[in-house]
Amino acid sequence: MLMALFYLASKFEKDRKYTEKEVNQILNDWHTFEDWAMLRRDLFDKWFLGRDPKCKEYWLEDEQPTLASFGLEK
């Protein structure tokens, strides 16, 4: 699952704000199991995407996680 999040995060542009609807559309375009809400939450929970407190705007975090962030690389 983690590798899928790295892949999906690469579909977002830096320095751009996205609505929840836009995030959902990007995720729908790049996955096949129709659970964009889970993917959106995972991207946020794992620090790939940031969002405002009301979940109206999302953005690609400036500092992206690495495999080492998750203890998968030395």
C-alpha atoms as a PDB file:
ATOM      1  CA  MET A   1       0.000   0.000   0.000  1.00  0.00           C
ATOM      2  CA  LEU A   2       2.794   2.398   0.862  1.00  0.00           C
ATOM      3  CA  MET A   3       4.316   2.151  -2.606  1.00  0.00           C
ATOM      4  CA  ALA A   4       0.896   2.982  -4.071  1.00  0.00           C
ATOM      5  CA  LEU A   5       0.848   6.164  -1.971  1.00  0.00           C
ATOM      6  CA  PHE A   6       4.262   7.192  -3.306  1.00  0.00           C
ATOM      7  CA  TYR A   7       2.934   6.627  -6.822  1.00  0.00           C
ATOM      8  CA  LEU A   8      -0.312   8.523  -6.239  1.00  0.00           C
ATOM      9  CA  ALA A   9       1.476  11.453  -4.597  1.00  0.00           C
ATOM     10  CA  SER A  10       3.506  11.843  -7.792  1.00  0.00           C
ATOM     11  CA  LYS A  11       0.266  12.726  -9.615  1.00  0.00           C
ATOM     12  CA  PHE A  12      -0.080  16.012  -7.682  1.00  0.00           C
ATOM     13  CA  GLU A  13       1.680  19.257  -8.579  1.00  0.00           C
ATOM     14  CA  LYS A  14       3.797  21.194  -6.099  1.00  0.00           C
ATOM     15  CA  ASP A  15       2.598  24.661  -5.088  1.00  0.00           C
ATOM     16  CA  ARG A  16      -0.965  23.982  -6.188  1.00  0.00           C
ATOM     17  CA  LYS A  17      -4.099  23.882  -4.026  1.00  0.00           C
ATOM     18  CA  TYR A  18      -6.723  21.240  -4.759  1.00  0.00           C
ATOM     19  CA  THR A  19     -10.336  20.953  -3.707  1.00  0.00           C
ATOM     20  CA  GLU A  20     -11.481  17.662  -2.218  1.00  0.00           C
ATOM     21  CA  LYS A  21     -13.332  17.010  -5.473  1.00  0.00           C
ATOM     22  CA  GLU A  22     -10.128  17.513  -7.494  1.00  0.00           C
ATOM     23  CA  VAL A  23      -8.182  15.192  -5.185  1.00  0.00           C
ATOM     24  CA  ASN A  24     -10.886  12.559  -5.550  1.00  0.00           C
ATOM     25  CA  GLN A  25     -10.807  12.883  -9.344  1.00  0.00           C
ATOM     26  CA  ILE A  26      -7.022  12.471  -9.500  1.00  0.00           C
ATOM     27  CA  LEU A  27      -7.229   9.422  -7.263  1.00  0.00           C
ATOM     28  CA  ASN A  28     -10.060   7.969  -9.345  1.00  0.00           C
ATOM     29  CA  ASP A  29      -7.982   8.449 -12.482  1.00  0.00           C
ATOM     30  CA  TRP A  30      -5.037   6.505 -11.041  1.00  0.00           C
ATOM     31  CA  HIS A  31      -6.444   3.615  -9.022  1.00  0.00           C
ATOM     32  CA  THR A  32      -8.791   0.730  -9.723  1.00  0.00           C
ATOM     33  CA  PHE A  33     -10.583  -0.307  -6.528  1.00  0.00           C
ATOM     34  CA  GLU A  34     -12.916   2.698  -6.106  1.00  0.00           C
ATOM     35  CA  ASP A  35     -12.001   3.783  -2.589  1.00  0.00           C
ATOM     36  CA  TRP A  36     -10.655   7.271  -3.168  1.00  0.00           C
ATOM     37  CA  ALA A  37     -11.681   8.371   0.345  1.00  0.00           C
ATOM     38  CA  MET A  38      -9.370   5.804   1.958  1.00  0.00           C
ATOM     39  CA  LEU A  39      -6.526   6.817  -0.349  1.00  0.00           C
ATOM     40  CA  ARG A  40      -7.090  10.524   0.336  1.00  0.00           C
ATOM     41  CA  ARG A  41      -7.002   9.884   4.104  1.00  0.00           C
ATOM     42  CA  ASP A  42      -3.886   7.725   3.791  1.00  0.00           C
ATOM     43  CA  LEU A  43      -2.102  10.375   1.716  1.00  0.00           C
ATOM     44  CA  PHE A  44      -2.880  12.895   4.450  1.00  0.00           C
ATOM     45  CA  ASP A  45      -2.134  10.568   7.375  1.00  0.00           C
ATOM     46  CA  LYS A  46       1.233   9.584   5.902  1.00  0.00           C
ATOM     47  CA  TRP A  47       2.223  13.243   5.222  1.00  0.00           C
ATOM     48  CA  PHE A  48       2.104  13.206   1.429  1.00  0.00           C
ATOM     49  CA  LEU A  49      -0.756  15.727   1.317  1.00  0.00           C
ATOM     50  CA  GLY A  50      -1.581  18.592   3.640  1.00  0.00           C
ATOM     51  CA  ARG A  51      -5.057  20.028   4.120  1.00  0.00           C
ATOM     52  CA  ASP A  52      -6.754  22.903   5.823  1.00  0.00           C
ATOM     53  CA  PRO A  53      -8.745  22.266   9.041  1.00  0.00           C
ATOM     54  CA  LYS A  54     -12.073  22.254   7.185  1.00  0.00           C
ATOM     55  CA  CYS A  55     -10.793  19.830   4.503  1.00  0.00           C
ATOM     56  CA  LYS A  56     -11.633  22.339   1.777  1.00  0.00           C
ATOM     57  CA  GLU A  57      -8.104  22.611   0.340  1.00  0.00           C
ATOM     58  CA  TYR A  58      -5.377  20.019  -0.130  1.00  0.00           C
ATOM     59  CA  TRP A  59      -1.794  20.379  -1.326  1.00  0.00           C
ATOM     60  CA  LEU A  60       1.285  18.288  -1.892  1.00  0.00           C
ATOM     61  CA  GLU A  61       3.534  18.713   1.136  1.00  0.00           C
ATOM     62  CA  ASP A  62       6.834  20.468   0.378  1.00  0.00           C
ATOM     63  CA  GLU A  63       8.765  17.787   2.216  1.00  0.00           C
ATOM     64  CA  GLN A  64       7.625  14.390   1.008  1.00  0.00           C
ATOM     65  CA  PRO A  65       8.124  11.263   3.093  1.00  0.00           C
ATOM     66  CA  THR A  66      10.812   8.817   2.043  1.00  0.00           C
ATOM     67  CA  LEU A  67      11.109   5.082   2.429  1.00  0.00           C
ATOM     68  CA  ALA A  68      13.439   5.789   5.353  1.00  0.00           C
ATOM     69  CA  SER A  69      10.642   7.801   6.999  1.00  0.00           C
ATOM     70  CA  PHE A  70       8.756   4.551   7.330  1.00  0.00           C
ATOM     71  CA  GLY A  71      11.778   2.504   8.414  1.00  0.00           C
ATOM     72  CA  LEU A  72      12.040   0.748   5.054  1.00  0.00           C
ATOM     73  CA  GLU A  73      15.483   1.979   4.084  1.00  0.00           C
ATOM     74  CA  LYS A  74      18.686   2.494   6.023  1.00  0.00           C
END
